[in-house]
Each structure stands twice: as C-alpha cells, then as structure tokens.
Amino acid sequence: MVTAEGKPEPVGGADHADAVAAARRLQELLDDRAAGDAPVGDVTCAPHVPLNLAAVTMLHAGLRVDPGELRQDVLVAKARPVAAP
C-alpha cells in the first residue's frame, strides 16, 4: 500500500496508483544495480539485528534455508513522491 506523498496521480483507482508507485521505485532500484551500485533500502534495523520473516516462513514450510539468512536484512523500499512536471 502506498500512502501520502508516495502516491502518484490517480491512474484508474487506488490499487492501480499503488502499483504504479511501487513499479517506479523498483525501477529506481534496478537502475542503481545496472549502474553498478548496490540497491539501498529505505528502512534498516541497524543497530539492531533483523529477523528475516521471509526466511522464517520458508523454514516453517519445511524448506532448507541457510541459517545466515535468518538475520539478513530484507530490502525495503518506500515509494517516493512524483516530481512535478
């Protein structure tokens, strides 16, 4: 869900606008990676140690998971305000 200033102009409904905002942010992260930069998330657990709930869920489902992934940060990105034309 995208709220506040991260929501772009309405493009056919709230869900569609949320998807557009998320896709724009994902494109920024992919562009960073293509430029050779590691994507940087907008949220971090530092200085605390994170608990990767995605890895915990995989363990619970019976899948094999590298134990290091349990304490690995997950990339979290916030949709950003759309610049005025």
N, C-alpha and C. Protein backbone atom coordinates (compact mmCIF):
# COMPACT_ATOMS: atom_id res chain seq x y z
N MET A 1 0.84 -1.16 0.00
CA MET A 1 0.00 0.00 0.00
C MET A 1 0.89 1.23 0.00
N VAL A 2 0.53 2.19 -0.78
CA VAL A 2 1.27 3.43 -0.89
C VAL A 2 0.39 4.54 -0.33
N THR A 3 0.96 5.34 0.55
CA THR A 3 0.18 6.42 1.16
C THR A 3 0.91 7.74 1.02
N ALA A 4 0.22 8.78 1.36
CA ALA A 4 0.76 10.14 1.44
C ALA A 4 1.43 10.56 0.15
N GLU A 5 2.62 11.18 0.29
CA GLU A 5 3.27 11.78 -0.86
C GLU A 5 3.83 10.76 -1.84
N GLY A 6 3.87 9.49 -1.48
CA GLY A 6 4.37 8.48 -2.41
C GLY A 6 3.38 8.11 -3.49
N LYS A 7 2.10 8.46 -3.29
CA LYS A 7 1.09 8.07 -4.26
C LYS A 7 1.14 9.00 -5.47
N PRO A 8 1.24 8.41 -6.67
CA PRO A 8 1.23 9.24 -7.88
C PRO A 8 -0.18 9.74 -8.18
N GLU A 9 -0.28 10.50 -9.22
CA GLU A 9 -1.60 10.96 -9.65
C GLU A 9 -2.50 9.74 -9.88
N PRO A 10 -3.77 9.84 -9.55
CA PRO A 10 -4.68 8.71 -9.78
C PRO A 10 -4.64 8.28 -11.25
N VAL A 11 -4.53 6.98 -11.47
CA VAL A 11 -4.45 6.46 -12.83
C VAL A 11 -5.48 5.36 -13.06
N GLY A 12 -6.60 5.45 -12.38
CA GLY A 12 -7.62 4.44 -12.60
C GLY A 12 -8.04 3.73 -11.33
N GLY A 13 -7.67 4.22 -10.19
CA GLY A 13 -8.05 3.61 -8.92
C GLY A 13 -6.86 3.52 -8.00
N ALA A 14 -7.17 3.36 -6.71
CA ALA A 14 -6.12 3.34 -5.68
C ALA A 14 -5.15 2.18 -5.88
N ASP A 15 -5.65 0.99 -6.20
CA ASP A 15 -4.77 -0.16 -6.38
C ASP A 15 -3.83 0.05 -7.56
N HIS A 16 -4.36 0.61 -8.63
CA HIS A 16 -3.54 0.88 -9.81
C HIS A 16 -2.47 1.92 -9.48
N ALA A 17 -2.84 2.96 -8.76
CA ALA A 17 -1.89 4.01 -8.38
C ALA A 17 -0.80 3.43 -7.48
N ASP A 18 -1.17 2.55 -6.56
CA ASP A 18 -0.19 1.90 -5.69
C ASP A 18 0.80 1.08 -6.52
N ALA A 19 0.28 0.33 -7.49
CA ALA A 19 1.14 -0.50 -8.33
C ALA A 19 2.10 0.36 -9.15
N VAL A 20 1.61 1.49 -9.67
CA VAL A 20 2.47 2.39 -10.45
C VAL A 20 3.59 2.95 -9.56
N ALA A 21 3.25 3.37 -8.35
CA ALA A 21 4.26 3.92 -7.44
C ALA A 21 5.30 2.87 -7.08
N ALA A 22 4.87 1.65 -6.80
CA ALA A 22 5.79 0.57 -6.45
C ALA A 22 6.69 0.23 -7.65
N ALA A 23 6.12 0.21 -8.84
CA ALA A 23 6.91 -0.10 -10.04
C ALA A 23 7.95 0.97 -10.30
N ARG A 24 7.60 2.22 -10.07
CA ARG A 24 8.56 3.31 -10.25
C ARG A 24 9.74 3.15 -9.29
N ARG A 25 9.46 2.83 -8.04
CA ARG A 25 10.53 2.68 -7.05
C ARG A 25 11.40 1.47 -7.38
N LEU A 26 10.77 0.37 -7.80
CA LEU A 26 11.52 -0.81 -8.20
C LEU A 26 12.43 -0.47 -9.37
N GLN A 27 11.95 0.32 -10.33
CA GLN A 27 12.78 0.70 -11.47
C GLN A 27 14.00 1.50 -11.01
N GLU A 28 13.83 2.38 -10.01
CA GLU A 28 14.97 3.12 -9.47
C GLU A 28 16.01 2.17 -8.90
N LEU A 29 15.57 1.16 -8.15
CA LEU A 29 16.50 0.20 -7.56
C LEU A 29 17.21 -0.62 -8.63
N LEU A 30 16.47 -1.01 -9.67
CA LEU A 30 17.08 -1.77 -10.76
C LEU A 30 18.07 -0.92 -11.54
N ASP A 31 17.76 0.36 -11.71
CA ASP A 31 18.69 1.27 -12.38
C ASP A 31 19.98 1.41 -11.57
N ASP A 32 19.86 1.48 -10.24
CA ASP A 32 21.04 1.54 -9.37
C ASP A 32 21.91 0.31 -9.59
N ARG A 33 21.27 -0.86 -9.59
CA ARG A 33 22.02 -2.11 -9.77
C ARG A 33 22.68 -2.14 -11.14
N ALA A 34 21.97 -1.70 -12.18
CA ALA A 34 22.53 -1.69 -13.53
C ALA A 34 23.73 -0.75 -13.63
N ALA A 35 23.73 0.31 -12.82
CA ALA A 35 24.83 1.26 -12.81
C ALA A 35 26.00 0.76 -11.96
N GLY A 36 25.84 -0.42 -11.36
CA GLY A 36 26.90 -1.00 -10.56
C GLY A 36 26.81 -0.68 -9.09
N ASP A 37 25.76 0.01 -8.69
CA ASP A 37 25.57 0.35 -7.28
C ASP A 37 24.66 -0.69 -6.63
N ALA A 38 24.97 -1.04 -5.40
CA ALA A 38 24.09 -1.95 -4.66
C ALA A 38 22.83 -1.19 -4.26
N PRO A 39 21.65 -1.78 -4.49
CA PRO A 39 20.42 -1.10 -4.07
C PRO A 39 20.44 -0.85 -2.56
N VAL A 40 20.02 0.32 -2.17
CA VAL A 40 19.98 0.68 -0.76
C VAL A 40 18.53 0.82 -0.35
N GLY A 41 18.14 0.09 0.69
CA GLY A 41 16.77 0.16 1.17
C GLY A 41 16.51 1.44 1.93
N ASP A 42 15.24 1.72 2.13
CA ASP A 42 14.82 2.94 2.82
C ASP A 42 14.58 2.69 4.30
N VAL A 43 14.63 1.44 4.72
CA VAL A 43 14.41 1.07 6.12
C VAL A 43 15.52 0.11 6.52
N THR A 44 16.06 0.30 7.71
CA THR A 44 17.08 -0.60 8.19
C THR A 44 16.83 -0.91 9.67
N CYS A 45 17.29 -2.05 10.10
CA CYS A 45 17.13 -2.43 11.50
C CYS A 45 18.31 -1.98 12.36
N ALA A 46 19.39 -1.53 11.70
CA ALA A 46 20.60 -1.14 12.43
C ALA A 46 20.28 -0.09 13.49
N PRO A 47 20.83 -0.17 14.63
CA PRO A 47 21.92 -1.04 15.04
C PRO A 47 21.45 -2.39 15.56
N HIS A 48 20.19 -2.69 15.48
CA HIS A 48 19.67 -3.97 15.96
C HIS A 48 19.82 -5.03 14.88
N VAL A 49 19.75 -6.27 15.27
CA VAL A 49 19.84 -7.38 14.32
C VAL A 49 18.44 -7.70 13.82
N PRO A 50 18.26 -7.77 12.51
CA PRO A 50 16.94 -8.07 11.96
C PRO A 50 16.59 -9.54 12.10
N LEU A 51 15.32 -9.84 11.98
CA LEU A 51 14.84 -11.22 11.85
C LEU A 51 14.10 -11.28 10.53
N ASN A 52 14.63 -12.02 9.59
CA ASN A 52 14.07 -12.12 8.25
C ASN A 52 12.85 -13.04 8.29
N LEU A 53 11.67 -12.45 8.30
CA LEU A 53 10.44 -13.24 8.41
C LEU A 53 10.20 -14.09 7.16
N ALA A 54 10.72 -13.66 6.02
CA ALA A 54 10.59 -14.48 4.81
C ALA A 54 11.36 -15.79 4.99
N ALA A 55 12.56 -15.71 5.56
CA ALA A 55 13.35 -16.92 5.81
C ALA A 55 12.70 -17.80 6.87
N VAL A 56 12.13 -17.19 7.91
CA VAL A 56 11.43 -17.94 8.95
C VAL A 56 10.25 -18.69 8.34
N THR A 57 9.53 -18.03 7.46
CA THR A 57 8.37 -18.65 6.80
C THR A 57 8.82 -19.84 5.96
N MET A 58 9.95 -19.69 5.27
CA MET A 58 10.46 -20.80 4.48
C MET A 58 10.82 -21.99 5.37
N LEU A 59 11.46 -21.72 6.51
CA LEU A 59 11.77 -22.80 7.45
C LEU A 59 10.50 -23.49 7.94
N HIS A 60 9.51 -22.69 8.28
CA HIS A 60 8.25 -23.22 8.77
C HIS A 60 7.58 -24.12 7.72
N ALA A 61 7.77 -23.77 6.46
CA ALA A 61 7.19 -24.56 5.37
C ALA A 61 8.00 -25.81 5.08
N GLY A 62 9.12 -25.99 5.78
CA GLY A 62 9.92 -27.18 5.60
C GLY A 62 11.00 -27.06 4.54
N LEU A 63 11.24 -25.85 4.05
CA LEU A 63 12.28 -25.64 3.05
C LEU A 63 13.63 -25.45 3.72
N ARG A 64 14.68 -25.78 3.00
CA ARG A 64 16.03 -25.58 3.52
C ARG A 64 16.41 -24.12 3.36
N VAL A 65 16.96 -23.56 4.41
CA VAL A 65 17.36 -22.16 4.41
C VAL A 65 18.72 -22.05 5.07
N ASP A 66 19.61 -21.30 4.44
CA ASP A 66 20.91 -21.03 5.04
C ASP A 66 20.66 -20.27 6.34
N PRO A 67 21.17 -20.74 7.47
CA PRO A 67 20.92 -20.07 8.75
C PRO A 67 21.30 -18.59 8.76
N GLY A 68 22.26 -18.20 7.93
CA GLY A 68 22.64 -16.80 7.85
C GLY A 68 21.52 -15.90 7.34
N GLU A 69 20.61 -16.48 6.57
CA GLU A 69 19.51 -15.69 6.02
C GLU A 69 18.51 -15.26 7.10
N LEU A 70 18.48 -15.97 8.21
CA LEU A 70 17.54 -15.61 9.28
C LEU A 70 17.83 -14.22 9.84
N ARG A 71 19.08 -13.80 9.79
CA ARG A 71 19.48 -12.49 10.34
C ARG A 71 19.92 -11.52 9.26
N GLN A 72 19.52 -11.80 8.03
CA GLN A 72 19.89 -10.94 6.91
C GLN A 72 18.80 -9.90 6.67
N ASP A 73 19.23 -8.65 6.49
CA ASP A 73 18.27 -7.59 6.18
C ASP A 73 17.53 -7.89 4.89
N VAL A 74 16.29 -7.52 4.83
CA VAL A 74 15.48 -7.61 3.63
C VAL A 74 15.39 -6.20 3.05
N LEU A 75 15.54 -6.08 1.75
CA LEU A 75 15.46 -4.77 1.11
C LEU A 75 14.04 -4.24 1.20
N VAL A 76 13.88 -3.09 1.84
CA VAL A 76 12.58 -2.45 1.96
C VAL A 76 12.69 -1.10 1.26
N ALA A 77 11.79 -0.84 0.34
CA ALA A 77 11.82 0.41 -0.41
C ALA A 77 10.48 1.13 -0.26
N LYS A 78 10.56 2.41 -0.03
CA LYS A 78 9.35 3.24 0.07
C LYS A 78 9.13 3.95 -1.27
N ALA A 79 7.87 4.03 -1.67
CA ALA A 79 7.56 4.82 -2.86
C ALA A 79 7.87 6.28 -2.56
N ARG A 80 8.39 6.96 -3.55
CA ARG A 80 8.79 8.36 -3.35
C ARG A 80 7.84 9.28 -4.08
N PRO A 81 7.79 10.53 -3.64
CA PRO A 81 6.91 11.49 -4.31
C PRO A 81 7.27 11.63 -5.79
N VAL A 82 6.26 11.82 -6.59
CA VAL A 82 6.46 12.00 -8.02
C VAL A 82 6.81 13.48 -8.23
N ALA A 83 7.90 13.72 -8.95
CA ALA A 83 8.32 15.10 -9.22
C ALA A 83 7.30 15.78 -10.13
N ALA A 84 7.04 17.03 -9.85
CA ALA A 84 6.12 17.80 -10.68
C ALA A 84 6.75 18.02 -12.05
N PRO A 85 5.93 17.95 -13.12
CA PRO A 85 6.48 18.12 -14.47
C PRO A 85 6.99 19.52 -14.72
